[in-house]
Amino acid sequence: MNKIKELYIKYKEVINYLFFGGCTFVVSMASFYLCNKVMVLNEHVSNIVSWILAVLFAYITNRKYVFESKTNDFKGLVKEITSFFSARLLTLGIEEVIIFVGCNLMHIDALIVKLIGQIVVIVSNYFLSKLFIFKK
C-alpha cells in the first residue's frame, strides 16, 4: 500500500489533471450534445456554450486540486484568471478550426469532430497551464 501512496504523491498533479480533465471533458461533451443534438444549435454556437461551462469548471478544479495555486492577493488572482482564460481562448480557436474543417468541409458528425478536438485541447491545456499559468 505504501508503494501506491508513493506513486500517487509522485504523480499527483498528472493523476489529478487526468481525473479533473476527464470531468471537464464530460462537462464539455454533455453540454455540446445538449446544445447541438437536443436544442439543435449550430456546431460553433454549441461549442462556445460548452467551452464556457467547461472552462469555468476547469478553472476551479485546476486551481484548487490539480496545480494547488497559492495565489491569494487580488493582483495575482487577476493575472492567474487572465492567463487561464487567455490560454483557453487559444485552444478554443484551435478547436473551432477543427470543428470547421471536420463538420463544414469534411461533413463528419459533430460529436466525432468534437471528440477529436477535445483530445487536442486537453493535451494543449495541460501544457499551457503547467508552463504559463500555475507555475510553481
Protein backbone atom coordinates (compact mmCIF):
# COMPACT_ATOMS: atom_id res chain seq x y z
CA MET A 1 0.00 0.00 0.00
CA ASN A 2 2.92 2.35 0.70
CA LYS A 3 4.14 1.93 -2.89
CA ILE A 4 0.75 3.05 -4.26
CA LYS A 5 0.77 6.08 -1.97
CA GLU A 6 4.32 6.95 -3.04
CA LEU A 7 3.35 6.70 -6.71
CA TYR A 8 0.30 8.89 -6.12
CA ILE A 9 2.39 11.53 -4.35
CA LYS A 10 4.99 11.44 -7.12
CA TYR A 11 2.40 11.74 -9.92
CA LYS A 12 -0.35 13.57 -8.02
CA GLU A 13 -0.53 16.51 -10.40
CA VAL A 14 -0.82 14.34 -13.51
CA ILE A 15 -3.31 11.94 -11.87
CA ASN A 16 -5.47 14.84 -10.66
CA TYR A 17 -5.26 16.53 -14.06
CA LEU A 18 -6.37 13.34 -15.80
CA PHE A 19 -9.28 12.92 -13.36
CA PHE A 20 -10.47 16.54 -13.44
CA GLY A 21 -9.63 16.79 -17.14
CA GLY A 22 -11.92 13.80 -17.62
CA CYS A 23 -14.64 15.54 -15.63
CA THR A 24 -14.15 18.70 -17.71
CA PHE A 25 -14.35 16.54 -20.84
CA VAL A 26 -17.73 15.19 -19.65
CA VAL A 27 -18.99 18.72 -18.95
CA SER A 28 -17.85 19.84 -22.40
CA MET A 29 -19.20 16.86 -24.34
CA ALA A 30 -22.53 16.71 -22.46
CA SER A 31 -23.22 20.42 -22.87
CA PHE A 32 -22.17 20.25 -26.54
CA TYR A 33 -24.53 17.29 -27.08
CA LEU A 34 -27.43 19.08 -25.39
CA CYS A 35 -26.88 22.24 -27.41
CA ASN A 36 -26.17 20.58 -30.76
CA LYS A 37 -28.38 17.49 -30.78
CA VAL A 38 -31.21 18.37 -28.37
CA MET A 39 -31.53 22.14 -28.84
CA VAL A 40 -30.32 21.83 -32.47
CA LEU A 41 -27.90 24.75 -32.29
CA ASN A 42 -25.11 25.25 -34.80
CA GLU A 43 -21.86 23.33 -34.06
CA HIS A 44 -19.93 26.54 -33.42
CA VAL A 45 -22.54 28.02 -31.07
CA SER A 46 -22.78 24.68 -29.26
CA ASN A 47 -19.00 24.60 -28.92
CA ILE A 48 -18.84 28.09 -27.45
CA VAL A 49 -21.54 27.28 -24.87
CA SER A 50 -19.76 24.05 -23.94
CA TRP A 51 -16.45 25.95 -23.77
CA ILE A 52 -17.83 28.49 -21.29
CA LEU A 53 -19.18 25.79 -18.98
CA ALA A 54 -16.09 23.60 -19.25
CA VAL A 55 -13.63 26.44 -18.70
CA LEU A 56 -15.43 27.67 -15.59
CA PHE A 57 -15.39 24.13 -14.19
CA ALA A 58 -11.76 23.61 -15.23
CA TYR A 59 -10.50 26.83 -13.66
CA ILE A 60 -11.96 25.99 -10.27
CA THR A 61 -10.75 22.37 -10.25
CA ASN A 62 -7.34 23.09 -11.80
CA ARG A 63 -6.68 25.93 -9.39
CA LYS A 64 -7.72 24.04 -6.28
CA TYR A 65 -6.99 20.35 -6.89
CA VAL A 66 -4.54 19.97 -9.76
CA PHE A 67 -2.00 22.78 -9.53
CA GLU A 68 -2.90 23.80 -5.95
CA SER A 69 -2.49 27.50 -6.65
CA LYS A 70 -1.47 29.57 -3.65
CA THR A 71 -2.26 32.95 -5.23
CA ASN A 72 -4.10 34.95 -2.58
CA ASP A 73 -3.71 38.62 -3.46
CA PHE A 74 -6.12 40.29 -5.88
CA LYS A 75 -3.47 41.28 -8.42
CA GLY A 76 -2.08 37.72 -8.58
CA LEU A 77 -5.57 36.24 -8.86
CA VAL A 78 -6.49 38.58 -11.74
CA LYS A 79 -3.24 37.66 -13.52
CA GLU A 80 -3.92 33.94 -13.00
CA ILE A 81 -7.52 34.16 -14.23
CA THR A 82 -6.49 36.29 -17.22
CA SER A 83 -3.74 33.85 -18.14
CA PHE A 84 -6.04 30.85 -17.72
CA PHE A 85 -8.84 32.25 -19.88
CA SER A 86 -6.40 33.58 -22.49
CA ALA A 87 -4.82 30.14 -22.88
CA ARG A 88 -8.28 28.57 -23.08
CA LEU A 89 -9.28 31.10 -25.76
CA LEU A 90 -6.26 29.96 -27.76
CA THR A 91 -7.34 26.32 -27.55
CA LEU A 92 -10.97 27.33 -28.28
CA GLY A 93 -9.66 28.80 -31.52
CA ILE A 94 -7.85 25.55 -32.33
CA GLU A 95 -11.00 23.55 -31.59
CA GLU A 96 -13.15 25.88 -33.70
CA VAL A 97 -10.80 25.29 -36.65
CA ILE A 98 -11.06 21.52 -36.08
CA ILE A 99 -14.87 21.79 -35.98
CA PHE A 100 -14.95 23.95 -39.11
CA VAL A 101 -12.76 21.55 -41.08
CA GLY A 102 -14.44 18.40 -39.73
CA CYS A 103 -18.08 19.50 -39.86
CA ASN A 104 -18.24 22.14 -42.55
CA LEU A 105 -15.65 20.90 -45.03
CA MET A 106 -15.49 17.14 -44.42
CA HIS A 107 -19.13 16.70 -43.23
CA ILE A 108 -18.19 14.43 -40.32
CA ASP A 109 -20.68 14.09 -37.44
CA ALA A 110 -20.26 16.94 -34.96
CA LEU A 111 -19.84 14.67 -31.92
CA ILE A 112 -16.96 12.80 -33.54
CA VAL A 113 -15.26 16.05 -34.52
CA LYS A 114 -15.83 17.47 -31.03
CA LEU A 115 -14.22 14.35 -29.54
CA ILE A 116 -11.15 14.77 -31.73
CA GLY A 117 -10.99 18.46 -30.85
CA GLN A 118 -11.23 17.69 -27.15
CA ILE A 119 -8.22 15.37 -27.28
CA VAL A 120 -6.11 18.14 -28.82
CA VAL A 121 -7.49 20.69 -26.35
CA ILE A 122 -6.91 18.59 -23.21
CA VAL A 123 -3.26 17.94 -24.04
CA SER A 124 -2.67 21.57 -25.06
CA ASN A 125 -4.39 22.93 -21.95
CA TYR A 126 -2.26 20.82 -19.62
CA PHE A 127 0.99 22.14 -21.02
CA LEU A 128 -0.25 25.74 -21.18
CA SER A 129 -1.44 25.53 -17.56
CA LYS A 130 1.74 23.91 -16.29
CA LEU A 131 4.15 26.16 -18.19
CA PHE A 132 2.43 29.54 -18.11
CA ILE A 133 -0.47 29.75 -15.66
CA PHE A 134 0.04 27.72 -12.49
CA LYS A 135 3.82 27.98 -12.30
CA LYS A 136 5.30 26.86 -9.00
